[in-house]
N, C-alpha and C. Protein backbone atom coordinates (compact mmCIF):
# COMPACT_ATOMS: atom_id res chain seq x y z
N UNK A 1 106.10 66.09 163.76
CA UNK A 1 105.35 65.14 164.34
C UNK A 1 105.30 65.50 165.77
N UNK A 2 104.11 65.22 166.35
CA UNK A 2 103.95 65.64 167.76
C UNK A 2 102.97 64.76 168.48
N UNK A 3 103.27 64.33 169.75
CA UNK A 3 102.33 63.44 170.50
C UNK A 3 102.56 63.65 171.99
N UNK A 4 101.58 63.51 172.77
CA UNK A 4 101.75 63.55 174.18
C UNK A 4 102.65 62.32 174.68
N UNK A 5 102.76 61.27 173.93
CA UNK A 5 103.51 60.12 174.27
C UNK A 5 105.04 60.44 174.28
N UNK A 6 105.45 61.26 173.24
CA UNK A 6 106.99 61.47 173.12
C UNK A 6 107.30 62.91 172.87
N UNK A 7 106.50 63.87 172.70
CA UNK A 7 106.75 65.21 172.49
C UNK A 7 106.86 65.58 171.06
N UNK A 8 107.71 66.42 170.63
CA UNK A 8 107.76 66.80 169.18
C UNK A 8 109.06 66.34 168.58
N UNK A 9 108.92 65.85 167.35
CA UNK A 9 110.09 65.14 166.59
C UNK A 9 110.09 65.77 165.22
N UNK A 10 111.23 66.06 164.64
CA UNK A 10 111.45 66.49 163.33
C UNK A 10 111.71 65.22 162.48
N UNK A 11 110.91 65.03 161.36
CA UNK A 11 111.03 64.02 160.46
C UNK A 11 111.86 64.50 159.23
N UNK A 12 112.59 63.47 158.63
CA UNK A 12 113.45 63.74 157.49
C UNK A 12 112.88 62.92 156.30
N UNK A 13 113.01 63.31 155.11
CA UNK A 13 112.67 62.48 153.98
C UNK A 13 113.83 61.44 153.73
N UNK A 14 113.40 60.31 153.44
CA UNK A 14 114.37 59.07 153.22
C UNK A 14 113.68 58.25 152.11
N UNK A 15 114.16 58.19 151.01
CA UNK A 15 113.65 57.34 149.83
C UNK A 15 112.10 57.39 149.70
N UNK A 16 111.54 58.50 149.70
CA UNK A 16 110.19 58.74 149.58
C UNK A 16 109.35 58.61 150.75
N UNK A 17 110.01 58.28 152.00
CA UNK A 17 109.31 58.27 153.21
C UNK A 17 109.70 59.29 154.23
N UNK A 18 108.99 59.73 155.16
CA UNK A 18 109.42 60.55 156.26
C UNK A 18 109.87 59.55 157.34
N UNK A 19 111.10 59.79 157.93
CA UNK A 19 111.64 58.87 158.97
C UNK A 19 112.06 59.80 160.17
N UNK A 20 111.93 59.16 161.33
CA UNK A 20 112.34 59.75 162.53
C UNK A 20 112.43 58.68 163.65
N UNK A 21 112.94 59.05 164.73
CA UNK A 21 113.04 58.11 165.85
C UNK A 21 112.55 58.74 167.07
N UNK A 22 111.84 58.08 167.91
CA UNK A 22 111.36 58.54 169.21
C UNK A 22 111.75 57.49 170.24
N UNK A 23 111.61 58.01 171.55
CA UNK A 23 111.69 57.18 172.69
C UNK A 23 110.53 57.41 173.57
N UNK A 24 109.85 56.50 173.93
CA UNK A 24 108.70 56.63 174.87
C UNK A 24 109.27 56.60 176.27
N UNK A 25 109.11 57.51 177.13
CA UNK A 25 109.64 57.55 178.47
C UNK A 25 109.07 56.22 179.30
N UNK A 26 109.85 55.75 180.05
CA UNK A 26 109.52 54.41 180.80
C UNK A 26 108.43 54.70 181.87
N UNK A 27 108.22 55.98 182.16
CA UNK A 27 107.19 56.21 183.15
C UNK A 27 105.88 56.76 182.51
N UNK A 28 105.77 56.52 181.16
CA UNK A 28 104.59 56.99 180.45
C UNK A 28 103.35 56.03 180.67
N UNK A 29 102.25 56.53 181.14
CA UNK A 29 101.08 55.72 181.54
C UNK A 29 100.62 54.95 180.24
N UNK A 30 100.22 53.72 180.36
CA UNK A 30 99.67 52.96 179.28
C UNK A 30 98.47 53.55 178.78
N UNK A 31 98.18 53.46 177.48
CA UNK A 31 97.00 53.99 176.84
C UNK A 31 97.27 54.36 175.37
N UNK A 32 96.31 54.90 174.80
CA UNK A 32 96.31 55.36 173.39
C UNK A 32 96.49 56.79 173.38
N UNK A 33 97.59 57.18 172.53
CA UNK A 33 97.88 58.64 172.38
C UNK A 33 97.94 59.07 170.86
N UNK A 34 97.15 60.15 170.58
CA UNK A 34 97.22 60.56 169.22
C UNK A 34 98.64 61.08 168.75
N UNK A 35 98.90 60.80 167.54
CA UNK A 35 100.21 61.30 166.90
C UNK A 35 99.68 62.24 165.73
N UNK A 36 100.18 63.41 165.68
CA UNK A 36 99.78 64.34 164.62
C UNK A 36 101.03 64.65 163.89
N UNK A 37 100.86 64.80 162.52
CA UNK A 37 101.88 65.23 161.59
C UNK A 37 101.31 66.39 160.79
N UNK A 38 102.14 67.42 160.73
CA UNK A 38 101.86 68.65 159.98
C UNK A 38 103.10 68.95 159.11
N UNK A 39 102.84 68.97 157.89
CA UNK A 39 103.94 69.19 156.85
C UNK A 39 104.04 70.67 156.71
N UNK A 40 105.12 71.14 156.17
CA UNK A 40 105.33 72.59 155.76
C UNK A 40 104.52 73.17 154.82
N UNK A 41 103.80 72.28 153.94
CA UNK A 41 102.92 72.73 152.97
C UNK A 41 101.38 72.81 153.56
N UNK A 42 101.27 72.54 154.80
CA UNK A 42 99.93 72.53 155.38
C UNK A 42 99.25 71.20 155.42
N UNK A 43 99.72 70.17 154.75
CA UNK A 43 99.09 68.95 154.77
C UNK A 43 99.18 68.36 156.27
N UNK A 44 98.21 67.52 156.68
CA UNK A 44 98.22 66.95 157.97
C UNK A 44 97.88 65.51 157.96
N UNK A 45 98.26 64.67 158.87
CA UNK A 45 97.95 63.30 159.04
C UNK A 45 98.04 63.05 160.50
N UNK A 46 97.12 62.02 160.89
CA UNK A 46 97.20 61.59 162.26
C UNK A 46 96.93 60.19 162.42
N UNK A 47 97.32 59.63 163.68
CA UNK A 47 97.08 58.16 163.89
C UNK A 47 97.09 58.06 165.30
N UNK A 48 96.87 56.83 165.86
CA UNK A 48 96.97 56.52 167.32
C UNK A 48 98.22 55.70 167.63
N UNK A 49 98.87 55.88 168.74
CA UNK A 49 99.92 55.09 169.26
C UNK A 49 99.56 54.50 170.49
N UNK A 50 99.57 53.23 170.72
CA UNK A 50 99.26 52.56 171.89
C UNK A 50 100.50 52.23 172.64
N UNK A 51 100.50 52.84 173.82
CA UNK A 51 101.71 52.41 174.88
C UNK A 51 101.19 51.44 175.81
N UNK A 52 101.93 50.38 175.90
CA UNK A 52 101.63 49.21 176.77
C UNK A 52 102.49 49.33 178.00
N UNK A 53 102.02 48.66 179.11
CA UNK A 53 102.65 48.63 180.42
C UNK A 53 103.79 47.43 180.28
N UNK A 54 104.96 47.85 180.15
CA UNK A 54 106.05 46.80 179.81
C UNK A 54 106.79 46.42 181.20
N UNK A 55 106.33 46.82 182.39
CA UNK A 55 107.07 46.54 183.61
C UNK A 55 107.23 45.06 183.77
N UNK A 56 106.35 44.18 183.18
CA UNK A 56 106.44 42.80 183.14
C UNK A 56 106.57 42.43 181.71
N UNK A 57 107.75 41.98 181.29
CA UNK A 57 107.82 41.58 179.84
C UNK A 57 106.78 40.68 179.46
N UNK A 58 106.30 40.77 178.11
CA UNK A 58 105.32 39.84 177.60
C UNK A 58 106.12 38.64 177.15
N UNK A 59 105.33 37.52 176.92
CA UNK A 59 105.80 36.27 176.50
C UNK A 59 106.09 36.33 175.00
N UNK A 60 107.06 35.81 174.56
CA UNK A 60 107.57 35.82 173.14
C UNK A 60 106.63 35.05 172.23
N UNK A 61 106.79 35.16 170.93
CA UNK A 61 105.83 34.47 170.09
C UNK A 61 106.03 32.98 170.03
N UNK A 62 104.97 32.25 169.72
CA UNK A 62 105.13 30.71 169.67
C UNK A 62 105.60 30.45 168.22
N UNK A 63 106.92 30.22 168.18
CA UNK A 63 107.52 29.96 166.87
C UNK A 63 108.18 28.48 166.81
N UNK A 64 107.77 27.69 167.71
CA UNK A 64 108.23 26.32 167.57
C UNK A 64 109.12 25.85 168.76
N UNK A 65 109.86 24.86 168.50
CA UNK A 65 110.69 24.28 169.64
C UNK A 65 111.96 25.05 169.89
N UNK A 66 112.35 25.89 168.98
CA UNK A 66 113.60 26.68 169.13
C UNK A 66 114.89 25.90 169.05
N UNK A 67 114.86 24.75 168.39
CA UNK A 67 116.11 23.89 168.26
C UNK A 67 117.22 24.61 167.60
N UNK A 68 116.96 25.71 166.78
CA UNK A 68 118.00 26.35 166.09
C UNK A 68 118.33 27.62 166.74
N UNK A 69 117.69 28.00 167.86
CA UNK A 69 118.08 29.20 168.54
C UNK A 69 119.31 29.09 169.33
N UNK A 70 119.94 30.18 169.62
CA UNK A 70 121.31 30.16 170.32
C UNK A 70 121.09 29.86 171.73
N UNK A 71 122.10 29.85 172.53
CA UNK A 71 121.99 29.65 173.91
C UNK A 71 121.98 28.15 174.21
N UNK A 72 121.47 27.86 175.51
CA UNK A 72 121.48 26.55 175.95
C UNK A 72 120.28 25.84 175.45
N UNK A 73 120.30 24.66 174.94
CA UNK A 73 119.14 23.99 174.45
C UNK A 73 119.52 22.70 173.77
N UNK A 74 118.56 22.14 173.14
CA UNK A 74 118.78 20.83 172.46
C UNK A 74 119.27 20.84 171.03
N UNK A 75 119.70 22.01 170.54
CA UNK A 75 119.99 22.17 168.99
C UNK A 75 121.24 21.26 168.76
N UNK A 76 122.31 21.22 169.58
CA UNK A 76 123.44 20.38 169.31
C UNK A 76 123.09 18.94 169.41
N UNK A 77 122.17 18.60 170.42
CA UNK A 77 121.74 17.21 170.58
C UNK A 77 121.03 16.74 169.22
N UNK A 78 120.21 17.55 168.74
CA UNK A 78 119.41 17.23 167.43
C UNK A 78 120.50 16.92 166.44
N UNK A 79 121.45 17.89 166.28
CA UNK A 79 122.41 17.76 165.24
C UNK A 79 123.21 16.29 165.31
N UNK A 80 123.62 16.07 166.57
CA UNK A 80 124.38 14.76 166.80
C UNK A 80 123.42 13.65 166.48
N UNK A 81 122.19 13.56 166.87
CA UNK A 81 121.28 12.65 166.60
C UNK A 81 121.04 12.40 165.04
N UNK A 82 121.03 13.49 164.40
CA UNK A 82 120.80 13.43 162.88
C UNK A 82 122.04 12.84 162.29
N UNK A 83 123.24 13.31 162.73
CA UNK A 83 124.42 12.73 162.21
C UNK A 83 124.60 11.22 162.45
N UNK A 84 124.20 10.89 163.60
CA UNK A 84 124.26 9.44 164.03
C UNK A 84 123.29 8.52 163.20
N UNK A 85 122.12 9.10 162.91
CA UNK A 85 121.18 8.39 162.05
C UNK A 85 121.75 8.20 160.72
N UNK A 86 122.30 9.26 160.17
CA UNK A 86 122.84 9.27 158.81
C UNK A 86 124.07 8.23 158.81
N UNK A 87 124.86 8.25 159.81
CA UNK A 87 125.98 7.11 159.71
C UNK A 87 125.47 5.73 159.88
N UNK A 88 124.36 5.53 160.64
CA UNK A 88 123.84 4.22 160.80
C UNK A 88 123.21 3.73 159.49
N UNK A 89 122.52 4.66 158.77
CA UNK A 89 121.90 4.45 157.49
C UNK A 89 122.93 4.09 156.41
N UNK A 90 124.20 4.81 156.37
CA UNK A 90 125.17 4.62 155.51
C UNK A 90 125.89 3.22 155.86
N UNK A 91 126.10 2.94 157.01
CA UNK A 91 126.66 1.71 157.39
C UNK A 91 125.86 0.41 157.13
N UNK A 92 124.47 0.62 157.24
CA UNK A 92 123.53 -0.49 156.85
C UNK A 92 123.49 -0.65 155.36
N UNK A 93 123.66 0.43 154.54
CA UNK A 93 123.69 0.40 153.24
C UNK A 93 124.91 -0.34 152.69
N UNK A 94 126.08 0.03 153.28
CA UNK A 94 127.34 -0.70 152.86
C UNK A 94 127.24 -2.20 153.29
N UNK A 95 126.64 -2.49 154.45
CA UNK A 95 126.60 -3.86 154.80
C UNK A 95 125.74 -4.70 153.84
N UNK A 96 124.63 -4.16 153.32
CA UNK A 96 123.68 -4.77 152.46
C UNK A 96 124.33 -4.99 151.11
N UNK A 97 125.16 -3.98 150.56
CA UNK A 97 125.72 -4.12 149.30
C UNK A 97 126.90 -5.13 149.39
N UNK A 98 127.61 -5.27 150.44
CA UNK A 98 128.60 -6.30 150.66
C UNK A 98 127.96 -7.62 150.66
N UNK A 99 126.81 -7.72 151.42
CA UNK A 99 126.13 -9.05 151.46
C UNK A 99 125.72 -9.53 150.18
N UNK A 100 125.13 -8.60 149.32
CA UNK A 100 124.69 -8.99 147.97
C UNK A 100 125.87 -9.49 147.11
N UNK A 101 127.02 -8.74 147.21
CA UNK A 101 128.18 -9.02 146.42
C UNK A 101 128.67 -10.48 146.77
N UNK A 102 128.62 -10.83 148.07
CA UNK A 102 129.06 -12.09 148.47
C UNK A 102 128.11 -13.22 148.30
N UNK A 103 126.81 -13.00 147.97
CA UNK A 103 125.92 -14.15 147.62
C UNK A 103 125.77 -14.41 146.17
N UNK A 104 126.38 -13.56 145.30
CA UNK A 104 126.26 -13.73 144.02
C UNK A 104 124.95 -13.22 143.34
N UNK A 105 124.07 -12.56 144.01
CA UNK A 105 122.79 -12.21 143.43
C UNK A 105 122.85 -10.80 142.82
């Protein structure tokens, strides 16, 4: 496999696929680069690789509030709030069942 984006790379067969690893140099100009594959039997394939300017990281995907993500956040606060709500509901249920037993209904 060869491209102006990363040079020449040898691929290896792996479970019916050709695999390899490349590193795009940090100073590679953004743009589209053709990638060409030539097999030993003469078969060829090609595709385009798009190199982005990553000098300024892009924003992550919009996946929600992130309450279960690691690091600083409100995940533990949500857990404590949920446990508190469950305890209040259990206490209220016990109070109601005791009240019914005491009134004879």
